[in-house]
Amino acid sequence: MRILGRTTTASVTTLLLATLACSSSGPPPEPAPTAVPDVQLDTVPSGRALVYVFNASGATLIKNNYQVKADGRRIADLPRSTYSVVAMMPGSHKLESAGRKVELTLTEGQRAFVVVAYRPEKSPFPLGGSPIVFKTVSDGRAKVMISQFARRGGPDA
């Protein structure tokens, strides 16, 4: 029995050393970057800019429909995982949704991308502040959302 004990101890020690050697070979590999889908963006009408507005709320029990206004005028009503595209005049605009504001300065021919989302993981209750996100995003991030979300018409569609 004593030999069996030493054999088992030696096997466990060898396995432990092999595991440590493998785990200490450096940091884990970086995850592969998310590929940007090849999606077609809308053509910008002459003399206008386009604003893509997304509702990227995660799965929760709350409905999470958001209304988005530009300069006090409703431009989108968005259920979860949807987006709208709105043609706007160039210039400065104040967008608002869920009590949050984003200021945009648009130029003719520009495309801008704005996301509103309820993200409870962003706010560990009660000290983290509001879990609602309303911000601009890159065209690459927007293309990923376009490929995953349903498009909606304007507020009256």
Protein backbone atom coordinates (compact mmCIF):
# COMPACT_ATOMS: atom_id res chain seq x y z
CA MET A 1 0.00 0.00 0.00
CA ARG A 2 2.87 2.32 0.70
CA ILE A 3 4.08 2.07 -2.93
CA LEU A 4 0.55 2.79 -4.17
CA GLY A 5 0.50 5.92 -2.00
CA ARG A 6 3.82 7.15 -3.38
CA THR A 7 2.70 6.45 -6.96
CA THR A 8 -0.53 8.34 -6.43
CA THR A 9 1.33 11.24 -4.78
CA ALA A 10 3.87 11.33 -7.61
CA SER A 11 1.10 11.30 -10.23
CA VAL A 12 -0.77 14.12 -8.52
CA THR A 13 2.45 16.16 -8.16
CA THR A 14 3.31 15.63 -11.84
CA LEU A 15 -0.19 16.61 -12.91
CA LEU A 16 -0.08 19.73 -10.70
CA LEU A 17 3.33 20.80 -12.06
CA ALA A 18 2.18 20.25 -15.65
CA THR A 19 -0.93 22.33 -15.02
CA LEU A 20 1.09 25.15 -13.47
CA ALA A 21 3.59 25.09 -16.32
CA CYS A 22 0.79 25.42 -18.86
CA SER A 23 -0.99 28.16 -16.96
CA SER A 24 2.14 30.24 -16.45
CA SER A 25 3.01 30.41 -20.15
CA GLY A 26 1.68 33.97 -20.38
CA PRO A 27 -1.62 35.79 -20.48
CA PRO A 28 -4.58 34.16 -22.17
CA PRO A 29 -4.93 34.95 -25.86
CA GLU A 30 -6.89 38.04 -26.84
CA PRO A 31 -10.38 37.28 -28.14
CA ALA A 32 -10.72 37.69 -31.87
CA PRO A 33 -12.09 41.10 -32.80
CA THR A 34 -15.73 41.13 -33.83
CA ALA A 35 -15.96 41.36 -37.59
CA VAL A 36 -17.90 44.35 -38.89
CA PRO A 37 -20.68 43.04 -41.13
CA ASP A 38 -20.81 44.31 -44.70
CA VAL A 39 -24.15 46.12 -44.43
CA GLN A 40 -25.44 48.77 -46.78
CA LEU A 41 -26.10 52.12 -45.15
CA ASP A 42 -28.86 54.35 -46.49
CA THR A 43 -27.99 56.98 -49.07
CA VAL A 44 -27.99 60.40 -47.47
CA PRO A 45 -30.53 62.69 -49.17
CA SER A 46 -29.14 65.87 -50.72
CA GLY A 47 -28.81 68.70 -48.23
CA ARG A 48 -29.44 66.38 -45.25
CA ALA A 49 -27.71 64.16 -42.70
CA LEU A 50 -28.91 60.78 -41.46
CA VAL A 51 -29.22 59.78 -37.84
CA TYR A 52 -29.53 56.09 -37.02
CA VAL A 53 -31.18 55.58 -33.62
CA PHE A 54 -30.97 52.16 -31.90
CA ASN A 55 -32.63 50.60 -28.84
CA ALA A 56 -29.98 48.14 -27.63
CA SER A 57 -31.64 47.20 -24.34
CA GLY A 58 -30.72 43.78 -23.01
CA ALA A 59 -33.19 41.07 -22.13
CA THR A 60 -35.11 42.05 -19.01
CA LEU A 61 -38.65 41.73 -17.68
CA ILE A 62 -39.19 45.44 -18.35
CA LYS A 63 -40.67 46.32 -21.77
CA ASN A 64 -37.93 48.93 -22.59
CA ASN A 65 -39.61 50.85 -25.39
CA TYR A 66 -37.96 54.23 -25.90
CA GLN A 67 -39.17 57.37 -27.56
CA VAL A 68 -36.43 59.59 -29.00
CA LYS A 69 -36.89 63.31 -29.61
CA ALA A 70 -34.76 65.75 -31.59
CA ASP A 71 -35.16 69.40 -30.66
CA GLY A 72 -38.40 68.51 -28.86
CA ARG A 73 -39.92 66.65 -31.85
CA ARG A 74 -40.48 62.89 -31.69
CA ILE A 75 -38.31 61.14 -34.30
CA ALA A 76 -38.44 57.48 -33.20
CA ASP A 77 -40.41 55.00 -31.09
CA LEU A 78 -38.20 51.99 -30.52
CA PRO A 79 -38.98 48.64 -28.92
CA ARG A 80 -36.00 46.54 -27.81
CA SER A 81 -33.59 45.45 -30.59
CA THR A 82 -34.92 47.86 -33.21
CA TYR A 83 -33.64 50.95 -35.00
CA SER A 84 -34.87 53.85 -37.14
CA VAL A 85 -33.14 56.08 -39.66
CA VAL A 86 -34.08 59.75 -39.65
CA ALA A 87 -33.10 62.43 -42.19
CA MET A 88 -32.23 65.70 -40.46
CA MET A 89 -31.05 69.14 -41.50
CA PRO A 90 -27.36 69.88 -40.94
CA GLY A 91 -26.62 71.87 -37.79
CA SER A 92 -26.78 71.44 -34.03
CA HIS A 93 -29.47 69.19 -32.57
CA LYS A 94 -30.39 68.08 -29.06
CA LEU A 95 -31.59 64.50 -28.85
CA GLU A 96 -33.38 63.25 -25.76
CA SER A 97 -34.58 59.88 -24.55
CA ALA A 98 -35.43 58.53 -21.10
CA GLY A 99 -34.26 61.74 -19.45
CA ARG A 100 -30.83 61.54 -21.10
CA LYS A 101 -29.49 63.98 -23.71
CA VAL A 102 -27.06 63.80 -26.62
CA GLU A 103 -25.96 66.83 -28.62
CA LEU A 104 -25.12 66.33 -32.28
CA THR A 105 -23.62 68.74 -34.77
CA LEU A 106 -24.44 67.32 -38.18
CA THR A 107 -22.93 68.22 -41.54
CA GLU A 108 -24.46 67.66 -44.96
CA GLY A 109 -23.98 64.06 -46.07
CA GLN A 110 -23.02 62.83 -42.60
CA ARG A 111 -24.33 59.69 -40.92
CA ALA A 112 -24.51 59.69 -37.10
CA PHE A 113 -25.33 56.73 -34.86
CA VAL A 114 -27.00 56.99 -31.45
CA VAL A 115 -27.97 54.21 -29.06
CA VAL A 116 -30.37 54.17 -26.12
CA ALA A 117 -30.41 51.14 -23.85
CA TYR A 118 -31.46 49.89 -20.46
CA ARG A 119 -28.39 48.15 -19.03
CA PRO A 120 -29.00 47.05 -15.44
CA GLU A 121 -25.49 45.55 -15.25
CA LYS A 122 -24.07 49.08 -15.65
CA SER A 123 -25.59 50.15 -12.35
CA PRO A 124 -25.05 48.04 -9.23
CA PHE A 125 -27.96 49.25 -7.12
CA PRO A 126 -28.04 51.64 -5.32
CA LEU A 127 -24.75 53.48 -5.88
CA GLY A 128 -24.12 53.13 -9.60
CA GLY A 129 -26.50 55.76 -10.97
CA SER A 130 -28.95 55.25 -13.79
CA PRO A 131 -28.75 52.05 -15.83
CA ILE A 132 -29.96 53.95 -18.94
CA VAL A 133 -27.36 54.59 -21.63
CA PHE A 134 -27.88 57.22 -24.35
CA LYS A 135 -24.78 57.95 -26.44
CA THR A 136 -23.23 58.08 -29.89
CA VAL A 137 -21.52 54.96 -31.25
CA SER A 138 -19.06 54.23 -34.05
CA ASP A 139 -20.18 53.21 -37.53
CA GLY A 140 -18.62 49.77 -36.96
CA ARG A 141 -20.72 49.20 -33.83
CA ALA A 142 -23.77 50.55 -35.67
CA LYS A 143 -23.26 48.10 -38.56
CA VAL A 144 -23.21 45.20 -36.08
CA MET A 145 -26.52 46.40 -34.61
CA ILE A 146 -28.04 46.95 -38.09
CA SER A 147 -27.25 43.33 -38.92
CA GLN A 148 -28.93 42.11 -35.71
CA PHE A 149 -31.85 44.50 -35.14
CA ALA A 150 -35.19 45.03 -36.91
CA ARG A 151 -35.68 48.29 -38.75
CA ARG A 152 -38.70 50.43 -37.92
CA GLY A 153 -40.24 53.30 -39.80
CA GLY A 154 -40.55 56.79 -38.41
CA PRO A 155 -42.70 57.65 -35.38
CA ASP A 156 -45.91 57.77 -37.43
CA ALA A 157 -45.25 54.58 -39.45
